[in-house]
Amino acid sequence: METFDFIEMKVPAKPEYVGVVRLSVSGIANRMGFNYEEIEDLKVAVAEAVTNAVEHAYNSDEVGEVTIGLGVYEERLEVMVADRGGSFDLKDIKDKIGPYHADESVESLQEGGLGLFLINALMDKVEINNEYGVIVLMTKYLHEAEVDFNDQISSR
């Protein structure tokens, strides 16, 4: 079985906490060895997913929270963003989740039309479950740069 560290945090569904989540993900990605561009992609994608949850998951009179789960593996970072969320049962989520297709209609993520398309463009893999609330699972693989015999940088 693959070993990994799992980090979970819950923040109030308020815009002022989006930056806190961005910084946390950035710190973890940096520790894992992601490069600057990859970290920036992660920060934008995660901020987009959290912002969507903050803006669309709850009515203005509801006090909600957003749950963020980070699966830290040797070769990838999996980031889950859930509204309506209790804690994550990682296996249960992965059994019920499927890939995002651009023609799908996920109302809470399509407002403005760009959120999910942007996330999909910045991450290596995006999966969604919207049975109860919305869970977005985003994966970014750690691509270690190598220099080949022509001194050209390439990714494995």
N, C-alpha and C. Protein backbone atom coordinates (compact mmCIF):
# COMPACT_ATOMS: atom_id res chain seq x y z
N MET A 1 0.84 -1.20 0.00
CA MET A 1 0.00 0.00 0.00
C MET A 1 0.88 1.25 0.00
N GLU A 2 0.45 2.21 -0.77
CA GLU A 2 1.19 3.46 -0.91
C GLU A 2 1.11 4.28 0.38
N THR A 3 2.25 4.78 0.83
CA THR A 3 2.24 5.59 2.06
C THR A 3 2.14 7.07 1.71
N PHE A 4 1.48 7.81 2.58
CA PHE A 4 1.33 9.23 2.38
C PHE A 4 1.00 9.90 3.70
N ASP A 5 1.22 11.20 3.74
CA ASP A 5 0.79 12.00 4.88
C ASP A 5 -0.52 12.66 4.49
N PHE A 6 -1.42 12.78 5.45
CA PHE A 6 -2.70 13.44 5.17
C PHE A 6 -2.87 14.61 6.13
N ILE A 7 -3.15 15.74 5.56
CA ILE A 7 -3.35 16.97 6.33
C ILE A 7 -4.75 17.46 6.04
N GLU A 8 -5.48 17.79 7.07
CA GLU A 8 -6.84 18.29 6.87
C GLU A 8 -7.01 19.59 7.64
N MET A 9 -7.64 20.56 7.01
CA MET A 9 -7.97 21.79 7.71
C MET A 9 -9.36 22.24 7.32
N LYS A 10 -10.00 22.90 8.24
CA LYS A 10 -11.33 23.45 8.01
C LYS A 10 -11.23 24.94 8.24
N VAL A 11 -11.80 25.70 7.31
CA VAL A 11 -11.83 27.15 7.47
C VAL A 11 -13.26 27.64 7.28
N PRO A 12 -13.60 28.74 7.93
CA PRO A 12 -14.93 29.31 7.69
C PRO A 12 -15.07 29.66 6.21
N ALA A 13 -16.27 29.52 5.69
CA ALA A 13 -16.53 29.84 4.27
C ALA A 13 -16.60 31.35 4.11
N LYS A 14 -15.45 31.99 4.29
CA LYS A 14 -15.33 33.45 4.18
C LYS A 14 -14.13 33.77 3.31
N PRO A 15 -14.23 34.81 2.48
CA PRO A 15 -13.15 35.14 1.55
C PRO A 15 -11.79 35.37 2.22
N GLU A 16 -11.80 35.88 3.45
CA GLU A 16 -10.52 36.20 4.10
C GLU A 16 -9.68 34.96 4.44
N TYR A 17 -10.26 33.77 4.32
CA TYR A 17 -9.50 32.55 4.61
C TYR A 17 -8.91 31.90 3.36
N VAL A 18 -9.24 32.40 2.19
CA VAL A 18 -8.70 31.82 0.95
C VAL A 18 -7.17 31.94 0.94
N GLY A 19 -6.65 33.09 1.35
CA GLY A 19 -5.20 33.30 1.39
C GLY A 19 -4.49 32.39 2.36
N VAL A 20 -5.14 32.06 3.46
CA VAL A 20 -4.56 31.15 4.45
C VAL A 20 -4.38 29.77 3.83
N VAL A 21 -5.37 29.32 3.09
CA VAL A 21 -5.30 28.02 2.43
C VAL A 21 -4.20 28.04 1.36
N ARG A 22 -4.17 29.12 0.57
CA ARG A 22 -3.13 29.26 -0.48
C ARG A 22 -1.74 29.14 0.12
N LEU A 23 -1.51 29.86 1.23
CA LEU A 23 -0.19 29.84 1.87
C LEU A 23 0.16 28.44 2.40
N SER A 24 -0.82 27.77 2.97
CA SER A 24 -0.58 26.42 3.50
C SER A 24 -0.19 25.46 2.38
N VAL A 25 -0.95 25.49 1.28
CA VAL A 25 -0.66 24.62 0.14
C VAL A 25 0.70 24.96 -0.46
N SER A 26 1.00 26.24 -0.56
CA SER A 26 2.28 26.69 -1.09
C SER A 26 3.44 26.16 -0.25
N GLY A 27 3.31 26.24 1.07
CA GLY A 27 4.36 25.75 1.96
C GLY A 27 4.59 24.26 1.82
N ILE A 28 3.52 23.50 1.72
CA ILE A 28 3.64 22.04 1.58
C ILE A 28 4.25 21.69 0.23
N ALA A 29 3.78 22.35 -0.83
CA ALA A 29 4.32 22.09 -2.17
C ALA A 29 5.81 22.44 -2.24
N ASN A 30 6.19 23.52 -1.60
CA ASN A 30 7.59 23.92 -1.56
C ASN A 30 8.45 22.86 -0.85
N ARG A 31 7.95 22.37 0.26
CA ARG A 31 8.67 21.35 1.00
C ARG A 31 8.82 20.06 0.19
N MET A 32 7.83 19.78 -0.65
CA MET A 32 7.87 18.57 -1.48
C MET A 32 8.84 18.69 -2.65
N GLY A 33 9.22 19.92 -3.01
CA GLY A 33 10.17 20.10 -4.11
C GLY A 33 9.56 20.58 -5.41
N PHE A 34 8.31 21.02 -5.39
CA PHE A 34 7.72 21.59 -6.60
C PHE A 34 8.47 22.87 -6.97
N ASN A 35 8.54 23.18 -8.27
CA ASN A 35 9.21 24.41 -8.69
C ASN A 35 8.25 25.60 -8.59
N TYR A 36 8.78 26.78 -8.83
CA TYR A 36 8.01 28.02 -8.65
C TYR A 36 6.72 28.02 -9.48
N GLU A 37 6.82 27.67 -10.77
CA GLU A 37 5.62 27.69 -11.62
C GLU A 37 4.57 26.70 -11.15
N GLU A 38 5.02 25.52 -10.75
CA GLU A 38 4.08 24.50 -10.27
C GLU A 38 3.37 24.97 -8.99
N ILE A 39 4.13 25.62 -8.11
CA ILE A 39 3.55 26.13 -6.87
C ILE A 39 2.54 27.23 -7.19
N GLU A 40 2.87 28.09 -8.13
CA GLU A 40 1.92 29.15 -8.52
C GLU A 40 0.65 28.54 -9.11
N ASP A 41 0.79 27.51 -9.95
CA ASP A 41 -0.38 26.82 -10.51
C ASP A 41 -1.24 26.23 -9.40
N LEU A 42 -0.59 25.57 -8.45
CA LEU A 42 -1.31 24.99 -7.31
C LEU A 42 -2.06 26.05 -6.53
N LYS A 43 -1.39 27.17 -6.25
CA LYS A 43 -2.01 28.24 -5.47
C LYS A 43 -3.24 28.80 -6.17
N VAL A 44 -3.15 29.01 -7.48
CA VAL A 44 -4.28 29.57 -8.24
C VAL A 44 -5.43 28.56 -8.27
N ALA A 45 -5.13 27.29 -8.55
CA ALA A 45 -6.18 26.27 -8.64
C ALA A 45 -6.88 26.08 -7.30
N VAL A 46 -6.11 26.01 -6.23
CA VAL A 46 -6.70 25.81 -4.90
C VAL A 46 -7.52 27.04 -4.49
N ALA A 47 -6.98 28.22 -4.76
CA ALA A 47 -7.72 29.44 -4.42
C ALA A 47 -9.03 29.50 -5.19
N GLU A 48 -9.01 29.07 -6.44
CA GLU A 48 -10.23 29.07 -7.26
C GLU A 48 -11.26 28.11 -6.68
N ALA A 49 -10.83 26.91 -6.29
CA ALA A 49 -11.76 25.92 -5.73
C ALA A 49 -12.33 26.40 -4.39
N VAL A 50 -11.48 26.97 -3.54
CA VAL A 50 -11.95 27.45 -2.23
C VAL A 50 -12.87 28.65 -2.42
N THR A 51 -12.50 29.55 -3.33
CA THR A 51 -13.34 30.72 -3.59
C THR A 51 -14.72 30.30 -4.10
N ASN A 52 -14.76 29.32 -4.99
CA ASN A 52 -16.05 28.81 -5.47
C ASN A 52 -16.89 28.27 -4.32
N ALA A 53 -16.26 27.53 -3.43
CA ALA A 53 -16.99 26.99 -2.28
C ALA A 53 -17.49 28.12 -1.39
N VAL A 54 -16.65 29.11 -1.14
CA VAL A 54 -17.02 30.25 -0.29
C VAL A 54 -18.19 31.02 -0.91
N GLU A 55 -18.13 31.26 -2.22
CA GLU A 55 -19.13 32.12 -2.86
C GLU A 55 -20.44 31.41 -3.17
N HIS A 56 -20.40 30.11 -3.43
CA HIS A 56 -21.58 29.46 -3.98
C HIS A 56 -22.19 28.34 -3.14
N ALA A 57 -21.49 27.87 -2.13
CA ALA A 57 -21.97 26.69 -1.41
C ALA A 57 -23.06 27.01 -0.39
N TYR A 58 -23.05 28.22 0.14
CA TYR A 58 -23.95 28.52 1.24
C TYR A 58 -24.78 29.76 0.95
N ASN A 59 -25.99 29.79 1.50
CA ASN A 59 -26.81 31.00 1.42
C ASN A 59 -26.18 32.08 2.30
N SER A 60 -26.52 33.32 2.03
CA SER A 60 -25.90 34.43 2.76
C SER A 60 -26.18 34.37 4.26
N ASP A 61 -27.27 33.72 4.66
CA ASP A 61 -27.59 33.64 6.08
C ASP A 61 -27.02 32.38 6.76
N GLU A 62 -26.33 31.53 5.99
CA GLU A 62 -25.74 30.32 6.55
C GLU A 62 -24.29 30.56 6.95
N VAL A 63 -23.89 29.94 8.03
CA VAL A 63 -22.48 29.94 8.40
C VAL A 63 -21.94 28.59 7.98
N GLY A 64 -21.07 28.59 6.98
CA GLY A 64 -20.55 27.32 6.46
C GLY A 64 -19.07 27.21 6.68
N GLU A 65 -18.54 26.05 6.32
CA GLU A 65 -17.10 25.88 6.36
C GLU A 65 -16.66 25.11 5.13
N VAL A 66 -15.40 25.28 4.83
CA VAL A 66 -14.78 24.58 3.71
C VAL A 66 -13.71 23.67 4.31
N THR A 67 -13.71 22.42 3.88
CA THR A 67 -12.72 21.46 4.36
C THR A 67 -11.71 21.24 3.25
N ILE A 68 -10.43 21.32 3.62
CA ILE A 68 -9.35 21.12 2.66
C ILE A 68 -8.54 19.92 3.13
N GLY A 69 -8.37 18.95 2.27
CA GLY A 69 -7.55 17.78 2.59
C GLY A 69 -6.37 17.72 1.64
N LEU A 70 -5.20 17.44 2.18
CA LEU A 70 -3.99 17.36 1.37
C LEU A 70 -3.37 15.98 1.53
N GLY A 71 -3.30 15.23 0.43
CA GLY A 71 -2.62 13.95 0.43
C GLY A 71 -1.22 14.16 -0.11
N VAL A 72 -0.23 14.03 0.75
CA VAL A 72 1.17 14.29 0.37
C VAL A 72 1.84 12.95 0.09
N TYR A 73 2.04 12.67 -1.18
CA TYR A 73 2.67 11.43 -1.62
C TYR A 73 4.09 11.73 -2.08
N GLU A 74 4.87 10.69 -2.34
CA GLU A 74 6.24 10.89 -2.79
C GLU A 74 6.30 11.63 -4.12
N GLU A 75 5.36 11.30 -5.05
CA GLU A 75 5.45 11.85 -6.41
C GLU A 75 4.29 12.77 -6.78
N ARG A 76 3.40 13.07 -5.83
CA ARG A 76 2.27 13.94 -6.17
C ARG A 76 1.64 14.56 -4.92
N LEU A 77 0.89 15.61 -5.16
CA LEU A 77 0.10 16.25 -4.12
C LEU A 77 -1.36 16.20 -4.56
N GLU A 78 -2.21 15.64 -3.72
CA GLU A 78 -3.65 15.62 -3.99
C GLU A 78 -4.30 16.61 -3.04
N VAL A 79 -5.10 17.50 -3.62
CA VAL A 79 -5.77 18.51 -2.82
C VAL A 79 -7.27 18.35 -2.99
N MET A 80 -7.97 18.16 -1.88
CA MET A 80 -9.42 18.05 -1.91
C MET A 80 -10.02 19.29 -1.27
N VAL A 81 -11.00 19.85 -1.94
CA VAL A 81 -11.71 21.01 -1.40
C VAL A 81 -13.19 20.63 -1.38
N ALA A 82 -13.79 20.70 -0.18
CA ALA A 82 -15.18 20.29 -0.03
C ALA A 82 -15.98 21.34 0.73
N ASP A 83 -17.17 21.63 0.22
CA ASP A 83 -18.10 22.40 1.02
C ASP A 83 -19.07 21.40 1.64
N ARG A 84 -19.90 21.81 2.53
CA ARG A 84 -20.83 20.93 3.24
C ARG A 84 -20.07 19.80 3.92
N GLY A 85 -18.77 20.01 4.18
CA GLY A 85 -17.92 18.87 4.44
C GLY A 85 -17.74 18.49 5.88
N GLY A 86 -17.86 17.20 6.11
CA GLY A 86 -17.31 16.63 7.32
C GLY A 86 -15.88 16.25 7.00
N SER A 87 -15.30 15.39 7.79
CA SER A 87 -13.94 14.96 7.52
C SER A 87 -13.92 14.04 6.30
N PHE A 88 -12.74 13.88 5.73
CA PHE A 88 -12.59 13.06 4.54
C PHE A 88 -12.36 11.61 4.89
N ASP A 89 -13.08 10.73 4.22
CA ASP A 89 -12.73 9.32 4.19
C ASP A 89 -12.15 9.13 2.79
N LEU A 90 -10.83 9.16 2.72
CA LEU A 90 -10.14 9.21 1.44
C LEU A 90 -10.57 8.08 0.50
N LYS A 91 -10.63 6.86 1.00
CA LYS A 91 -11.00 5.73 0.15
C LYS A 91 -12.43 5.89 -0.37
N ASP A 92 -13.34 6.29 0.51
CA ASP A 92 -14.73 6.48 0.13
C ASP A 92 -14.86 7.55 -0.96
N ILE A 93 -14.14 8.65 -0.79
CA ILE A 93 -14.19 9.73 -1.78
C ILE A 93 -13.67 9.23 -3.13
N LYS A 94 -12.54 8.55 -3.11
CA LYS A 94 -11.94 8.10 -4.37
C LYS A 94 -12.81 7.05 -5.08
N ASP A 95 -13.57 6.27 -4.30
CA ASP A 95 -14.47 5.29 -4.91
C ASP A 95 -15.64 5.97 -5.62
N LYS A 96 -16.05 7.14 -5.13
CA LYS A 96 -17.25 7.80 -5.65
C LYS A 96 -16.97 8.94 -6.61
N ILE A 97 -15.71 9.24 -6.83
CA ILE A 97 -15.37 10.44 -7.58
C ILE A 97 -15.02 10.06 -9.01
N GLY A 98 -15.22 10.99 -9.92
CA GLY A 98 -14.90 10.71 -11.31
C GLY A 98 -14.24 11.90 -11.96
N PRO A 99 -13.64 11.70 -13.13
CA PRO A 99 -12.95 12.80 -13.79
C PRO A 99 -13.91 13.90 -14.22
N TYR A 100 -13.40 15.10 -14.23
CA TYR A 100 -14.17 16.24 -14.70
C TYR A 100 -14.13 16.26 -16.22
N HIS A 101 -15.29 16.44 -16.84
CA HIS A 101 -15.37 16.62 -18.29
C HIS A 101 -15.94 18.00 -18.54
N ALA A 102 -15.38 18.70 -19.50
CA ALA A 102 -15.75 20.10 -19.75
C ALA A 102 -17.23 20.30 -20.06
N ASP A 103 -17.92 19.25 -20.49
CA ASP A 103 -19.33 19.41 -20.83
C ASP A 103 -20.25 19.14 -19.64
N GLU A 104 -19.68 18.78 -18.48
CA GLU A 104 -20.50 18.53 -17.30
C GLU A 104 -21.05 19.83 -16.75
N SER A 105 -22.20 19.75 -16.14
CA SER A 105 -22.77 20.92 -15.51
C SER A 105 -22.70 20.77 -14.00
N VAL A 106 -21.79 21.45 -13.39
CA VAL A 106 -21.69 21.48 -11.93
C VAL A 106 -21.97 22.92 -11.55
N GLU A 107 -23.23 23.17 -11.22
CA GLU A 107 -23.71 24.55 -11.07
C GLU A 107 -22.82 25.42 -10.18
N SER A 108 -22.43 24.90 -9.05
CA SER A 108 -21.71 25.74 -8.10
C SER A 108 -20.29 26.06 -8.56
N LEU A 109 -19.81 25.36 -9.57
CA LEU A 109 -18.46 25.65 -10.05
C LEU A 109 -18.47 26.33 -11.42
N GLN A 110 -19.63 26.51 -12.00
CA GLN A 110 -19.68 27.06 -13.35
C GLN A 110 -20.00 28.55 -13.37
N GLU A 111 -20.32 29.12 -12.24
CA GLU A 111 -20.63 30.54 -12.18
C GLU A 111 -19.45 31.32 -12.76
N GLY A 112 -19.70 32.16 -13.73
CA GLY A 112 -18.61 32.88 -14.37
C GLY A 112 -17.96 32.04 -15.46
N GLY A 113 -18.15 30.73 -15.40
CA GLY A 113 -17.69 29.86 -16.48
C GLY A 113 -16.23 29.50 -16.48
N LEU A 114 -15.40 30.12 -15.65
CA LEU A 114 -13.97 29.89 -15.75
C LEU A 114 -13.38 29.01 -14.67
N GLY A 115 -13.99 28.98 -13.49
CA GLY A 115 -13.39 28.31 -12.34
C GLY A 115 -12.86 26.93 -12.61
N LEU A 116 -13.73 26.04 -13.04
CA LEU A 116 -13.32 24.66 -13.23
C LEU A 116 -12.42 24.49 -14.44
N PHE A 117 -12.63 25.29 -15.48
CA PHE A 117 -11.75 25.21 -16.65
C PHE A 117 -10.33 25.63 -16.28
N LEU A 118 -10.22 26.65 -15.45
CA LEU A 118 -8.92 27.13 -14.99
C LEU A 118 -8.25 26.05 -14.13
N ILE A 119 -8.99 25.50 -13.19
CA ILE A 119 -8.45 24.44 -12.34
C ILE A 119 -7.96 23.27 -13.20
N ASN A 120 -8.78 22.88 -14.18
CA ASN A 120 -8.43 21.76 -15.06
C ASN A 120 -7.17 22.05 -15.86
N ALA A 121 -7.00 23.30 -16.28
CA ALA A 121 -5.81 23.67 -17.07
C ALA A 121 -4.54 23.68 -16.22
N LEU A 122 -4.65 24.00 -14.94
CA LEU A 122 -3.48 24.15 -14.09
C LEU A 122 -3.04 22.87 -13.39
N MET A 123 -3.96 21.92 -13.25
CA MET A 123 -3.65 20.69 -12.51
C MET A 123 -3.51 19.53 -13.48
N ASP A 124 -2.86 18.46 -13.03
CA ASP A 124 -2.66 17.29 -13.88
C ASP A 124 -3.92 16.43 -13.97
N LYS A 125 -4.73 16.44 -12.92
CA LYS A 125 -5.93 15.62 -12.89
C LYS A 125 -6.95 16.31 -12.00
N VAL A 126 -8.21 16.34 -12.43
CA VAL A 126 -9.28 16.95 -11.65
C VAL A 126 -10.47 16.00 -11.63
N GLU A 127 -10.97 15.72 -10.42
CA GLU A 127 -12.12 14.85 -10.26
C GLU A 127 -13.14 15.55 -9.37
N ILE A 128 -14.41 15.22 -9.58
CA ILE A 128 -15.48 15.90 -8.87
C ILE A 128 -16.52 14.92 -8.35
N ASN A 129 -17.03 15.21 -7.17
CA ASN A 129 -18.18 14.50 -6.63
C ASN A 129 -19.13 15.58 -6.13
N ASN A 130 -20.36 15.57 -6.61
CA ASN A 130 -21.32 16.57 -6.14
C ASN A 130 -22.60 15.93 -5.64
N GLU A 131 -22.46 14.77 -4.97
CA GLU A 131 -23.63 14.12 -4.38
C GLU A 131 -24.23 14.97 -3.27
N TYR A 132 -23.38 15.45 -2.38
CA TYR A 132 -23.85 16.28 -1.26
C TYR A 132 -22.85 17.40 -1.13
N GLY A 133 -23.21 18.58 -1.60
CA GLY A 133 -22.21 19.63 -1.70
C GLY A 133 -21.31 19.29 -2.88
N VAL A 134 -20.13 19.85 -2.90
CA VAL A 134 -19.19 19.59 -3.99
C VAL A 134 -17.83 19.26 -3.39
N ILE A 135 -17.22 18.20 -3.90
CA ILE A 135 -15.84 17.87 -3.56
C ILE A 135 -15.04 17.93 -4.85
N VAL A 136 -13.98 18.72 -4.85
CA VAL A 136 -13.07 18.78 -5.99
C VAL A 136 -11.76 18.15 -5.54
N LEU A 137 -11.30 17.15 -6.26
CA LEU A 137 -10.02 16.50 -5.99
C LEU A 137 -9.08 16.87 -7.13
N MET A 138 -8.01 17.57 -6.77
CA MET A 138 -7.04 18.04 -7.76
C MET A 138 -5.70 17.37 -7.49
N THR A 139 -5.05 16.91 -8.54
CA THR A 139 -3.76 16.24 -8.38
C THR A 139 -2.70 16.98 -9.20
N LYS A 140 -1.55 17.20 -8.57
CA LYS A 140 -0.39 17.78 -9.25
C LYS A 140 0.77 16.81 -9.02
N TYR A 141 1.37 16.34 -10.13
CA TYR A 141 2.50 15.42 -10.03
C TYR A 141 3.80 16.20 -9.92
N LEU A 142 4.72 15.65 -9.16
CA LEU A 142 6.03 16.24 -8.98
C LEU A 142 6.90 15.80 -10.15
N HIS A 143 7.18 16.75 -11.05
CA HIS A 143 8.00 16.45 -12.22
C HIS A 143 9.39 16.98 -11.95
N GLU A 144 10.31 16.07 -11.70
CA GLU A 144 11.67 16.50 -11.42
C GLU A 144 12.38 16.79 -12.74
N ALA A 145 12.92 18.00 -12.84
CA ALA A 145 13.62 18.39 -14.07
C ALA A 145 14.96 17.67 -14.14
N GLU A 146 15.30 17.26 -15.35
CA GLU A 146 16.59 16.62 -15.59
C GLU A 146 17.26 17.35 -16.74
N VAL A 147 18.58 17.31 -16.77
CA VAL A 147 19.31 17.89 -17.89
C VAL A 147 19.81 16.73 -18.75
N ASP A 148 19.43 16.74 -20.06
CA ASP A 148 19.86 15.64 -20.91
C ASP A 148 21.22 15.98 -21.56
N PHE A 149 21.67 15.15 -22.46
CA PHE A 149 23.02 15.30 -23.02
C PHE A 149 23.18 16.58 -23.85
N ASN A 150 22.08 17.24 -24.28
CA ASN A 150 22.17 18.50 -25.00
C ASN A 150 22.03 19.70 -24.08
N ASP A 151 22.12 19.47 -22.77
CA ASP A 151 21.90 20.51 -21.76
C ASP A 151 20.51 21.14 -21.87
N GLN A 152 19.57 20.38 -22.38
CA GLN A 152 18.18 20.85 -22.46
C GLN A 152 17.45 20.33 -21.22
N ILE A 153 16.69 21.20 -20.61
CA ILE A 153 15.91 20.77 -19.44
C ILE A 153 14.65 20.08 -19.94
N SER A 154 14.39 18.91 -19.37
CA SER A 154 13.18 18.19 -19.74
C SER A 154 12.56 17.61 -18.48
N SER A 155 11.31 17.27 -18.59
CA SER A 155 10.62 16.63 -17.46
C SER A 155 10.52 15.15 -17.72
N ARG A 156 10.56 14.37 -16.63
CA ARG A 156 10.39 12.92 -16.79
C ARG A 156 8.95 12.63 -17.03
